[in-house]
N, C-alpha and C. Protein backbone atom coordinates (compact mmCIF):
# COMPACT_ATOMS: atom_id res chain seq x y z
N MET A 1 0.89 -1.10 -0.02
CA MET A 1 0.17 0.33 -0.01
C MET A 1 1.16 1.14 0.39
N TRP A 2 1.80 1.12 1.31
CA TRP A 2 2.64 2.66 1.06
C TRP A 2 3.46 2.89 -0.41
N GLU A 3 3.79 1.40 -1.13
CA GLU A 3 4.66 1.78 -2.27
C GLU A 3 3.86 2.39 -3.65
N ILE A 4 2.45 1.89 -2.97
CA ILE A 4 2.22 2.05 -4.02
C ILE A 4 1.91 3.64 -4.19
N ALA A 5 1.32 3.81 -3.35
CA ALA A 5 1.15 5.87 -2.60
C ALA A 5 2.22 6.68 -3.23
N GLY A 6 3.21 5.95 -2.54
CA GLY A 6 4.71 6.85 -3.15
C GLY A 6 4.70 6.51 -4.18
N LEU A 7 4.92 6.04 -5.46
CA LEU A 7 4.65 6.10 -6.69
C LEU A 7 3.44 7.17 -7.30
N ILE A 8 2.92 6.66 -6.81
CA ILE A 8 2.00 7.87 -7.01
C ILE A 8 1.76 9.09 -7.21
N LEU A 9 2.50 9.58 -5.94
CA LEU A 9 3.03 10.63 -5.41
C LEU A 9 4.04 11.50 -6.67
N LEU A 10 5.13 9.89 -6.62
CA LEU A 10 5.78 10.37 -7.41
C LEU A 10 5.73 11.04 -9.19
N ILE A 11 4.20 10.21 -9.05
CA ILE A 11 4.18 10.56 -10.29
C ILE A 11 3.90 11.31 -10.76
N LEU A 12 2.46 11.99 -10.27
CA LEU A 12 2.19 13.41 -9.88
C LEU A 12 2.91 14.32 -9.90
N CYS A 13 3.68 14.16 -9.20
CA CYS A 13 5.18 15.02 -8.91
C CYS A 13 5.75 15.27 -10.18
N CYS A 14 5.70 14.56 -11.03
CA CYS A 14 6.76 14.60 -12.68
C CYS A 14 5.56 15.11 -13.13
N VAL A 15 4.49 14.40 -13.05
CA VAL A 15 3.47 15.24 -14.25
C VAL A 15 2.99 17.14 -13.67
N ILE A 16 3.46 17.60 -12.84
CA ILE A 16 3.18 18.45 -12.14
C ILE A 16 4.66 19.56 -12.83
N GLY A 17 5.47 18.80 -12.58
CA GLY A 17 6.92 19.58 -12.94
C GLY A 17 7.16 19.44 -14.58
N VAL A 18 6.41 18.80 -15.45
CA VAL A 18 6.43 19.25 -16.47
C VAL A 18 5.43 19.94 -17.26
N LEU A 19 4.38 20.11 -16.22
CA LEU A 19 2.75 20.89 -16.72
C LEU A 19 3.78 22.11 -16.33
N ILE A 20 4.82 22.86 -15.07
CA ILE A 20 5.40 23.86 -14.53
C ILE A 20 5.59 24.20 -15.87
N THR A 21 6.85 23.29 -16.03
CA THR A 21 7.72 23.70 -17.10
C THR A 21 7.45 23.96 -18.60
N ALA A 22 6.34 23.69 -18.78
CA ALA A 22 5.34 24.01 -20.38
C ALA A 22 5.23 25.45 -19.89
N LEU A 23 4.73 25.77 -18.98
CA LEU A 23 4.49 27.32 -18.43
C LEU A 23 5.64 28.43 -18.68
N ARG A 24 6.71 27.23 -18.69
CA ARG A 24 8.32 28.41 -18.19
C ARG A 24 8.35 29.05 -17.15
N LEU A 25 7.93 27.77 -16.38
CA LEU A 25 8.17 28.05 -14.75
C LEU A 25 9.77 27.00 -14.31
N PRO A 26 9.78 26.83 -13.21
CA PRO A 26 11.26 26.39 -12.65
C PRO A 26 10.41 24.58 -12.82
N GLY A 27 10.22 23.86 -13.40
CA GLY A 27 9.98 22.51 -13.66
C GLY A 27 10.23 21.21 -12.95
N THR A 28 11.34 21.53 -13.51
CA THR A 28 12.49 20.20 -13.47
C THR A 28 13.18 19.99 -12.24
N TRP A 29 13.61 21.62 -11.50
CA TRP A 29 13.79 21.15 -9.85
C TRP A 29 12.16 21.03 -9.02
N VAL A 30 10.81 21.14 -9.51
CA VAL A 30 10.39 19.98 -8.82
C VAL A 30 10.31 18.99 -8.95
N ILE A 31 10.71 18.34 -10.28
CA ILE A 31 10.58 16.81 -10.45
C ILE A 31 12.30 16.68 -9.41
N VAL A 32 13.33 17.79 -9.44
CA VAL A 32 14.32 17.01 -8.56
C VAL A 32 14.08 16.63 -6.82
N ALA A 33 12.87 17.76 -6.55
CA ALA A 33 12.61 18.04 -5.25
C ALA A 33 11.98 16.44 -5.33
N GLY A 34 10.60 16.42 -5.92
CA GLY A 34 10.05 15.23 -5.33
C GLY A 34 11.17 13.58 -5.77
N ALA A 35 12.45 13.51 -6.55
CA ALA A 35 13.21 12.52 -6.77
C ALA A 35 14.00 12.52 -4.87
N ALA A 36 13.93 13.96 -4.72
CA ALA A 36 14.71 13.83 -3.36
C ALA A 36 14.16 13.10 -2.21
N VAL A 37 12.85 13.48 -2.40
CA VAL A 37 11.87 13.53 -1.00
C VAL A 37 11.88 11.71 -1.02
N PHE A 38 11.18 11.59 -2.71
CA PHE A 38 11.07 10.12 -2.28
C PHE A 38 12.45 9.13 -2.29
N GLY A 39 13.83 9.33 -2.86
CA GLY A 39 14.53 8.52 -2.64
C GLY A 39 14.99 8.67 -1.06
N TRP A 40 14.49 9.55 -0.58
CA TRP A 40 15.21 9.85 1.36
C TRP A 40 13.18 8.95 1.95
N TRP A 41 12.74 9.25 1.30
CA TRP A 41 11.43 8.02 2.00
C TRP A 41 12.29 6.72 1.66
N CYS A 42 12.08 5.87 0.48
CA CYS A 42 12.58 4.71 0.17
C CYS A 42 13.93 4.61 0.66
N ASP A 43 14.56 5.29 1.64
CA ASP A 43 16.13 4.75 1.76
C ASP A 43 17.23 4.39 1.04
N TRP A 44 16.93 5.65 -0.38
CA TRP A 44 17.73 5.72 -1.81
C TRP A 44 17.52 4.09 -2.14
N THR A 45 16.54 2.96 -1.65
CA THR A 45 16.79 2.10 -2.54
C THR A 45 16.25 1.78 -4.19
N ARG A 46 15.28 2.71 -4.37
CA ARG A 46 14.67 2.98 -5.91
C ARG A 46 15.32 4.37 -6.64
N VAL A 47 15.75 5.16 -6.00
CA VAL A 47 16.27 6.63 -6.32
C VAL A 47 17.49 6.55 -5.31
N SER A 48 18.01 6.52 -6.54
CA SER A 48 19.99 6.57 -5.51
C SER A 48 20.47 8.21 -5.84
N LEU A 49 21.09 8.65 -4.54
CA LEU A 49 21.98 9.71 -4.46
C LEU A 49 22.48 9.77 -5.97
N THR A 50 22.97 8.78 -7.02
CA THR A 50 23.65 9.14 -7.88
C THR A 50 22.67 9.62 -8.98
N LEU A 51 21.90 8.86 -8.89
CA LEU A 51 20.08 9.49 -9.93
C LEU A 51 20.22 10.46 -9.79
N LEU A 52 20.25 11.40 -8.37
CA LEU A 52 19.70 12.77 -8.03
C LEU A 52 20.26 13.58 -8.70
N VAL A 53 22.07 13.23 -8.47
CA VAL A 53 23.02 14.36 -8.69
C VAL A 53 22.49 14.56 -10.61
N ILE A 54 22.49 12.86 -10.87
CA ILE A 54 22.30 12.97 -12.66
C ILE A 54 20.78 13.98 -12.79
N LEU A 55 20.12 13.87 -12.15
CA LEU A 55 18.89 14.97 -12.28
C LEU A 55 19.29 16.44 -12.19
N ILE A 56 19.92 16.65 -11.50
CA ILE A 56 20.39 18.31 -10.77
C ILE A 56 21.15 18.65 -12.18
N GLY A 57 21.82 17.45 -12.64
CA GLY A 57 23.14 17.97 -13.66
C GLY A 57 22.29 18.06 -15.40
N ILE A 58 21.32 17.29 -15.65
CA ILE A 58 19.80 17.29 -16.63
C ILE A 58 19.42 18.71 -16.50
N GLY A 59 18.98 19.04 -14.61
CA GLY A 59 18.70 20.41 -15.08
C GLY A 59 19.10 21.40 -15.27
N LEU A 60 20.30 21.25 -14.85
CA LEU A 60 21.28 22.52 -15.29
C LEU A 60 21.32 22.72 -16.67
N ALA A 61 21.65 22.19 -16.88
CA ALA A 61 21.52 21.64 -18.61
C ALA A 61 20.89 22.55 -19.56
N GLY A 62 19.42 21.96 -18.91
CA GLY A 62 18.16 22.22 -19.60
C GLY A 62 17.65 23.94 -19.31
N GLU A 63 18.13 24.14 -17.77
CA GLU A 63 18.43 25.60 -17.89
C GLU A 63 19.17 26.39 -18.45
N ALA A 64 20.24 25.96 -18.65
CA ALA A 64 21.94 26.36 -19.63
C ALA A 64 20.85 26.22 -21.15
N ILE A 65 20.46 25.78 -21.49
CA ILE A 65 19.89 25.40 -22.68
C ILE A 65 18.15 26.85 -23.39
N GLU A 66 17.60 26.36 -21.88
CA GLU A 66 16.38 27.59 -22.41
C GLU A 66 17.57 29.15 -22.30
N LEU A 67 18.02 29.20 -21.09
CA LEU A 67 18.61 30.82 -21.58
C LEU A 67 19.10 31.16 -22.43
N LEU A 68 20.68 30.25 -23.15
CA LEU A 68 21.09 30.63 -24.31
C LEU A 68 20.19 30.39 -25.55
N ALA A 69 19.42 29.42 -25.46
CA ALA A 69 18.72 29.19 -27.08
C ALA A 69 18.93 30.61 -28.05
N SER A 70 17.99 32.00 -27.37
CA SER A 70 17.51 33.06 -28.06
C SER A 70 18.92 33.63 -28.77
N MET A 71 19.97 33.89 -27.20
CA MET A 71 20.83 34.11 -27.81
C MET A 71 21.32 33.91 -28.72
N PHE A 72 22.11 32.65 -29.03
CA PHE A 72 22.92 31.57 -30.27
C PHE A 72 22.00 32.33 -31.55
N THR A 73 20.57 32.14 -31.32
CA THR A 73 20.14 32.09 -32.52
C THR A 73 19.89 33.69 -33.40
N ALA A 74 19.94 34.40 -32.37
CA ALA A 74 19.75 36.18 -32.72
C ALA A 74 21.50 36.13 -33.35
N ARG A 75 22.24 35.40 -32.23
CA ARG A 75 23.56 35.68 -32.50
C ARG A 75 24.09 35.42 -34.27
N ARG A 76 23.65 34.23 -35.04
CA ARG A 76 23.66 33.96 -35.96
C ARG A 76 22.83 34.45 -36.48
N ALA A 77 21.91 35.49 -36.30
CA ALA A 77 21.11 36.30 -37.63
C ALA A 77 22.16 37.55 -37.61
N GLY A 78 23.12 37.47 -37.04
CA GLY A 78 23.88 39.18 -37.24
C GLY A 78 23.96 39.99 -35.88
N ALA A 79 23.17 39.44 -34.68
CA ALA A 79 22.58 40.31 -33.93
C ALA A 79 24.04 40.89 -33.31
N SER A 80 24.02 42.13 -32.35
CA SER A 80 24.69 42.68 -31.82
C SER A 80 25.12 41.90 -29.98
N ARG A 81 25.79 42.01 -29.20
CA ARG A 81 25.83 41.39 -28.24
C ARG A 81 24.96 42.21 -27.54
N ARG A 82 24.31 43.18 -27.61
CA ARG A 82 23.82 43.65 -26.68
C ARG A 82 22.03 43.49 -27.64
N ALA A 83 22.19 43.10 -28.81
CA ALA A 83 20.56 42.40 -28.58
C ALA A 83 20.52 40.97 -28.63
N ALA A 84 21.14 40.72 -28.30
CA ALA A 84 21.73 38.95 -28.30
C ALA A 84 21.36 38.96 -26.06
N TRP A 85 21.10 39.95 -25.50
CA TRP A 85 20.98 40.14 -24.26
C TRP A 85 19.43 41.39 -24.36
N GLY A 86 19.82 41.52 -25.34
CA GLY A 86 18.35 42.51 -25.18
C GLY A 86 17.27 41.27 -25.14
N GLY A 87 16.93 40.65 -25.73
CA GLY A 87 16.30 39.42 -26.03
C GLY A 87 16.25 38.81 -25.16
N LEU A 88 17.11 38.32 -24.01
CA LEU A 88 16.81 37.37 -23.44
C LEU A 88 16.16 38.30 -22.13
N THR A 89 16.79 39.63 -22.02
CA THR A 89 16.13 40.25 -20.55
C THR A 89 14.60 40.65 -20.92
N GLY A 90 14.65 40.84 -22.51
CA GLY A 90 13.06 41.02 -22.56
C GLY A 90 11.82 40.37 -22.96
N GLY A 91 12.76 38.70 -22.84
CA GLY A 91 11.81 37.43 -22.43
C GLY A 91 11.65 37.47 -21.22
N ILE A 92 12.05 37.92 -20.34
CA ILE A 92 11.83 37.80 -19.33
C ILE A 92 11.26 38.60 -18.98
N VAL A 93 10.96 40.13 -19.46
CA VAL A 93 10.21 40.80 -19.21
C VAL A 93 8.97 40.44 -19.13
N GLY A 94 8.63 40.13 -20.82
CA GLY A 94 7.91 39.93 -21.56
C GLY A 94 6.48 38.76 -20.73
N MET A 95 7.36 38.09 -19.73
CA MET A 95 6.42 37.04 -19.27
C MET A 95 5.77 37.64 -18.31
N PHE A 96 6.10 39.41 -17.72
CA PHE A 96 4.77 39.62 -16.75
C PHE A 96 3.82 40.97 -17.18
N LEU A 97 4.85 41.79 -18.61
CA LEU A 97 4.17 42.95 -19.09
C LEU A 97 3.11 42.82 -20.48
N PHE A 98 3.38 42.03 -21.15
CA PHE A 98 2.85 41.74 -22.62
C PHE A 98 2.02 40.15 -22.12
N SER A 99 2.14 39.60 -21.17
CA SER A 99 1.50 38.30 -21.50
C SER A 99 0.00 38.91 -21.26
N LEU A 100 -0.61 38.07 -22.53
CA LEU A 100 -2.27 38.44 -22.58
C LEU A 100 -2.77 37.36 -21.78
N PRO A 101 -4.62 38.12 -21.21
CA PRO A 101 -5.53 37.57 -20.21
C PRO A 101 -5.64 35.79 -20.81
N VAL A 102 -5.22 34.48 -21.49
CA VAL A 102 -5.23 33.89 -21.61
C VAL A 102 -4.53 32.57 -20.56
N PRO A 103 -5.00 31.91 -19.81
CA PRO A 103 -4.27 31.24 -19.12
C PRO A 103 -3.08 30.34 -20.31
N VAL A 104 -2.21 30.47 -19.69
CA VAL A 104 -1.16 29.53 -20.15
C VAL A 104 -0.11 30.15 -21.04
N VAL A 105 -1.10 30.05 -22.11
CA VAL A 105 -0.69 30.65 -23.67
C VAL A 105 -0.27 32.09 -23.85
N GLY A 106 -0.99 32.91 -22.40
CA GLY A 106 -0.73 34.50 -22.79
C GLY A 106 0.71 34.66 -21.98
N THR A 107 1.12 33.99 -21.48
CA THR A 107 2.54 33.98 -20.22
C THR A 107 3.69 33.63 -21.86
N ILE A 108 3.41 32.11 -22.47
CA ILE A 108 4.50 32.39 -23.68
C ILE A 108 4.12 33.26 -24.65
N VAL A 109 3.67 33.91 -25.58
CA VAL A 109 3.10 34.68 -26.31
C VAL A 109 3.63 36.30 -25.95
N GLY A 110 3.21 36.21 -24.66
CA GLY A 110 3.91 37.49 -23.95
C GLY A 110 5.81 37.25 -23.60
N ALA A 111 6.03 36.36 -23.54
CA ALA A 111 7.75 36.07 -23.46
C ALA A 111 8.18 36.33 -24.69
N LEU A 112 7.21 35.56 -25.97
CA LEU A 112 7.94 36.10 -26.90
C LEU A 112 7.52 36.76 -28.16
N LEU A 113 6.83 37.44 -27.37
CA LEU A 113 6.63 39.83 -27.92
C LEU A 113 7.42 40.31 -27.07
N GLY A 114 8.21 39.35 -25.99
CA GLY A 114 9.05 40.34 -25.57
C GLY A 114 10.80 39.94 -25.60
N CYS A 115 10.73 39.05 -26.13
CA CYS A 115 11.42 38.94 -26.76
C CYS A 115 11.92 39.63 -28.10
N PHE A 116 11.38 39.46 -28.80
CA PHE A 116 11.63 40.00 -29.73
C PHE A 116 10.87 41.59 -29.69
N ALA A 117 10.57 42.16 -28.47
CA ALA A 117 10.71 43.74 -28.87
C ALA A 117 11.81 43.87 -28.12
N GLY A 118 12.85 43.47 -26.90
CA GLY A 118 14.31 43.25 -26.40
C GLY A 118 15.09 43.36 -27.39
N ALA A 119 15.40 42.76 -28.09
CA ALA A 119 16.26 42.42 -29.30
C ALA A 119 16.04 43.58 -30.39
N MET A 120 15.00 43.38 -30.97
CA MET A 120 14.36 44.31 -32.03
C MET A 120 15.23 45.85 -31.15
N VAL A 121 15.00 46.09 -30.60
CA VAL A 121 15.22 47.78 -29.49
C VAL A 121 16.47 48.21 -29.76
N ALA A 122 17.04 46.82 -29.01
CA ALA A 122 18.28 46.83 -28.70
C ALA A 122 19.58 46.68 -30.04
N GLU A 123 19.05 46.31 -30.84
CA GLU A 123 19.68 46.25 -32.47
C GLU A 123 19.68 47.31 -32.62
N LEU A 124 17.84 48.44 -32.56
CA LEU A 124 17.91 49.11 -33.64
C LEU A 124 18.86 50.57 -32.61
N SER A 125 19.03 49.91 -31.89
CA SER A 125 20.40 51.10 -30.80
C SER A 125 21.34 50.64 -31.33
N VAL A 126 22.04 50.05 -31.89
CA VAL A 126 22.91 49.51 -32.23
C VAL A 126 23.48 50.01 -33.96
N ARG A 127 22.46 49.88 -34.91
CA ARG A 127 22.38 49.92 -35.80
C ARG A 127 21.86 50.53 -37.17
N LYS A 128 20.87 50.92 -36.47
CA LYS A 128 19.86 51.86 -36.45
C LYS A 128 18.67 51.27 -37.73
N LYS A 129 19.16 49.93 -38.27
CA LYS A 129 18.20 49.08 -39.74
C LYS A 129 17.63 48.93 -38.81
N LEU A 130 15.74 49.25 -38.99
CA LEU A 130 14.82 48.41 -39.11
C LEU A 130 14.71 47.00 -39.78
N ALA A 131 15.03 46.62 -40.92
CA ALA A 131 14.99 45.35 -41.12
C ALA A 131 16.05 44.69 -40.52
N GLN A 132 16.98 44.93 -40.59
CA GLN A 132 18.19 43.80 -38.94
C GLN A 132 17.63 43.91 -38.11
N GLY A 133 16.90 45.30 -37.17
CA GLY A 133 15.92 44.99 -36.39
C GLY A 133 15.68 44.02 -35.96
N ALA A 134 14.45 43.55 -37.14
CA ALA A 134 12.89 42.50 -36.90
C ALA A 134 13.50 41.34 -37.08
N LYS A 135 14.58 41.61 -38.03
CA LYS A 135 15.56 40.26 -38.82
C LYS A 135 15.96 39.38 -37.24
N VAL A 136 16.95 40.11 -36.42
CA VAL A 136 17.30 40.07 -34.79
C VAL A 136 16.31 39.80 -34.20
N GLY A 137 15.02 40.53 -34.14
CA GLY A 137 14.30 40.44 -33.02
C GLY A 137 13.58 39.05 -33.41
N PHE A 138 13.12 38.61 -34.40
CA PHE A 138 12.40 37.33 -35.27
C PHE A 138 13.31 36.33 -34.83
N PHE A 139 14.82 36.26 -34.98
CA PHE A 139 15.55 35.13 -34.61
C PHE A 139 15.63 34.63 -33.08
N SER A 140 15.85 36.47 -32.53
CA SER A 140 15.28 35.48 -31.02
C SER A 140 14.70 35.11 -30.01
N ALA A 141 13.13 35.68 -31.20
CA ALA A 141 12.04 34.97 -30.71
C ALA A 141 11.75 33.26 -31.00
N ALA A 142 12.29 33.02 -32.26
CA ALA A 142 12.40 32.06 -32.48
C ALA A 142 13.11 30.91 -31.73
N GLY A 143 14.52 31.57 -31.39
CA GLY A 143 15.58 31.25 -30.41
C GLY A 143 14.50 30.36 -28.33
N PHE A 144 13.76 31.90 -28.57
CA PHE A 144 13.53 31.44 -27.38
C PHE A 144 12.48 30.64 -27.31
N ALA A 145 11.80 30.48 -28.29
CA ALA A 145 10.26 29.02 -28.34
C ALA A 145 11.05 28.42 -28.19
N LEU A 146 12.27 28.27 -29.39
CA LEU A 146 13.23 26.54 -29.22
C LEU A 146 13.56 26.08 -27.99
N GLY A 147 14.34 27.17 -27.37
CA GLY A 147 14.84 26.93 -26.25
C GLY A 147 13.16 26.92 -24.93
N ALA A 148 12.17 27.09 -24.97
CA ALA A 148 11.75 26.70 -24.29
C ALA A 148 11.00 25.12 -24.40
N VAL A 149 10.73 24.81 -25.87
CA VAL A 149 10.50 23.19 -26.27
C VAL A 149 11.88 22.51 -26.26
N ALA A 150 13.29 22.87 -25.76
CA ALA A 150 14.43 21.97 -25.52
C ALA A 150 13.98 21.47 -24.00
N LYS A 151 13.71 23.12 -23.38
CA LYS A 151 13.58 22.48 -21.72
C LYS A 151 12.22 21.71 -21.44
N LEU A 152 11.34 21.63 -22.50
CA LEU A 152 10.00 21.31 -22.10
C LEU A 152 10.46 19.05 -21.42
N ALA A 153 11.11 19.12 -23.33
CA ALA A 153 11.57 18.20 -23.76
C ALA A 153 12.85 17.31 -22.21
N VAL A 154 13.96 18.63 -21.87
CA VAL A 154 14.27 17.83 -20.55
C VAL A 154 13.84 17.28 -19.58
N ALA A 155 12.25 18.15 -19.35
CA ALA A 155 12.24 17.57 -18.35
C ALA A 155 10.88 16.63 -18.95
N MET A 156 10.62 16.02 -19.83
CA MET A 156 10.14 15.05 -19.72
C MET A 156 10.98 13.43 -19.68
N VAL A 157 12.20 13.80 -20.07
CA VAL A 157 13.07 12.58 -20.19
C VAL A 157 13.66 12.69 -18.57
N MET A 158 13.45 13.64 -17.82
CA MET A 158 14.38 14.08 -16.00
C MET A 158 12.63 12.67 -15.77
N ALA A 159 11.53 13.32 -15.68
CA ALA A 159 10.47 12.25 -15.23
C ALA A 159 10.80 11.28 -15.70
N GLY A 160 10.96 10.99 -17.03
CA GLY A 160 10.69 9.42 -17.58
C GLY A 160 12.07 8.45 -17.08
N VAL A 161 13.17 9.11 -16.73
CA VAL A 161 14.00 8.39 -16.32
C VAL A 161 14.08 8.49 -14.97
N LEU A 162 13.16 9.01 -13.85
CA LEU A 162 12.66 9.03 -12.99
C LEU A 162 11.79 7.99 -12.12
N VAL A 163 10.53 8.08 -13.21
CA VAL A 163 9.64 7.21 -12.80
C VAL A 163 9.97 6.12 -13.28
N THR A 164 11.17 5.44 -13.88
CA THR A 164 11.82 4.42 -14.64
C THR A 164 12.17 3.60 -13.75
N SER A 165 13.27 4.16 -12.61
CA SER A 165 13.81 3.71 -11.89
C SER A 165 13.10 3.81 -10.96
N ALA A 166 12.43 4.60 -10.95
CA ALA A 166 11.24 3.96 -9.48
C ALA A 166 10.73 2.53 -9.49
N VAL A 167 9.57 2.87 -10.90
CA VAL A 167 9.23 1.56 -10.93
C VAL A 167 9.93 0.20 -10.87
N CYS A 168 11.42 0.15 -12.00
CA CYS A 168 11.37 -1.02 -12.05
C CYS A 168 12.81 -1.17 -10.82
N SER A 169 12.82 -0.73 -9.61
CA SER A 169 14.01 -1.01 -8.75
C SER A 169 13.28 -1.82 -7.91
N SER A 170 13.67 -2.42 -6.84
CA SER A 170 13.82 -3.55 -5.76
C SER A 170 12.28 -2.66 -5.21
N SER A 171 11.46 -4.05 -4.17
CA SER A 171 10.40 -2.67 -3.77
C SER A 171 11.12 -2.20 -2.66
N ILE A 172 9.74 -0.90 -2.13
CA ILE A 172 10.82 -0.33 -1.09
C ILE A 172 9.74 -0.83 0.15
N THR A 173 10.49 -0.62 1.62
CA THR A 173 9.44 -0.85 2.79
C THR A 173 8.96 0.01 2.78
N PRO A 174 7.54 -0.06 3.71
CA PRO A 174 7.10 1.38 4.19
C PRO A 174 7.59 1.74 5.34
N PRO A 175 7.13 2.89 5.27
CA PRO A 175 8.05 3.84 6.50
C PRO A 175 7.30 3.21 7.85
N GLY A 176 8.50 3.67 9.21
CA GLY A 176 7.95 2.96 10.15
C GLY A 176 8.75 2.29 10.87
N PRO A 177 8.26 1.81 12.16
CA PRO A 177 9.84 0.34 13.21
C PRO A 177 9.53 -0.15 11.98
N GLU A 178 10.96 -0.52 12.35
CA GLU A 178 11.42 -2.14 11.05
C GLU A 178 10.84 -2.96 12.36
N SER A 179 11.02 -4.56 11.61
CA SER A 179 10.44 -5.70 12.48
C SER A 179 12.18 -6.09 13.37
N THR A 180 11.40 -6.58 14.61
CA THR A 180 12.59 -6.90 15.46
C THR A 180 12.49 -7.88 15.51
N GLN A 181 12.54 -8.97 15.12
CA GLN A 181 12.53 -10.55 15.48
C GLN A 181 14.01 -11.11 15.61
N PRO A 182 13.95 -11.94 16.55
CA PRO A 182 15.30 -12.08 16.65
C PRO A 182 15.79 -13.00 15.95
N ILE A 183 16.85 -13.49 15.60
CA ILE A 183 17.70 -13.78 14.85
C ILE A 183 18.21 -15.30 15.65
N GLU A 184 17.75 -16.26 14.94
CA GLU A 184 18.07 -17.42 15.64
C GLU A 184 19.03 -18.45 15.01
N SER A 185 20.35 -18.74 16.51
CA SER A 185 21.44 -19.39 15.80
C SER A 185 21.56 -20.69 15.36
N SER A 186 22.28 -21.33 14.41
CA SER A 186 22.00 -22.55 13.96
C SER A 186 22.68 -23.54 14.93
N ALA A 187 24.09 -22.72 15.02
CA ALA A 187 25.06 -23.35 15.40
C ALA A 187 24.71 -24.32 17.06
N ALA A 188 25.40 -24.76 17.24
CA ALA A 188 25.64 -26.06 18.75
C ALA A 188 26.45 -25.78 19.35
N PRO A 189 25.86 -25.35 20.73
CA PRO A 189 27.07 -24.33 21.87
C PRO A 189 28.14 -25.98 22.15
């Protein structure tokens, strides 16, 4: 009974983590926290400390991919360094300022608009060419979207690895006092 309840809670934690990641929130860290709690609960038999460290590493890689994707795609479009940083900053600010009053989609659209606007304005401040600014803004927003998709894929991989490890490992014992049965010796005195 405890085993099934723990697995259900872990799976629920992973689903919530993936959904939160889709909203551009730190869902990968929800998955890591779920892994840590479940690992501790089952005395690290189903989720080892090694797996927890691996999940943390994958989570950090996902964060780096998400943050740097718009910068790299903007730079590939010929953006200045200022425009690359403008796109990154605009995406974060846009999630709050440009979000449409539509659940879930509004925040994503706001982030894309902010990324586009931030990169375009920063590029215009350097080069003063509207066509170049629009091109940089578009590529920055496209990179922002690619980063979001990549981080969502990372969250799904993390959840899959964690649930697979928890389900396919040896059984866990329920929390509580351990049984204390005396060990009989078969040796003769």
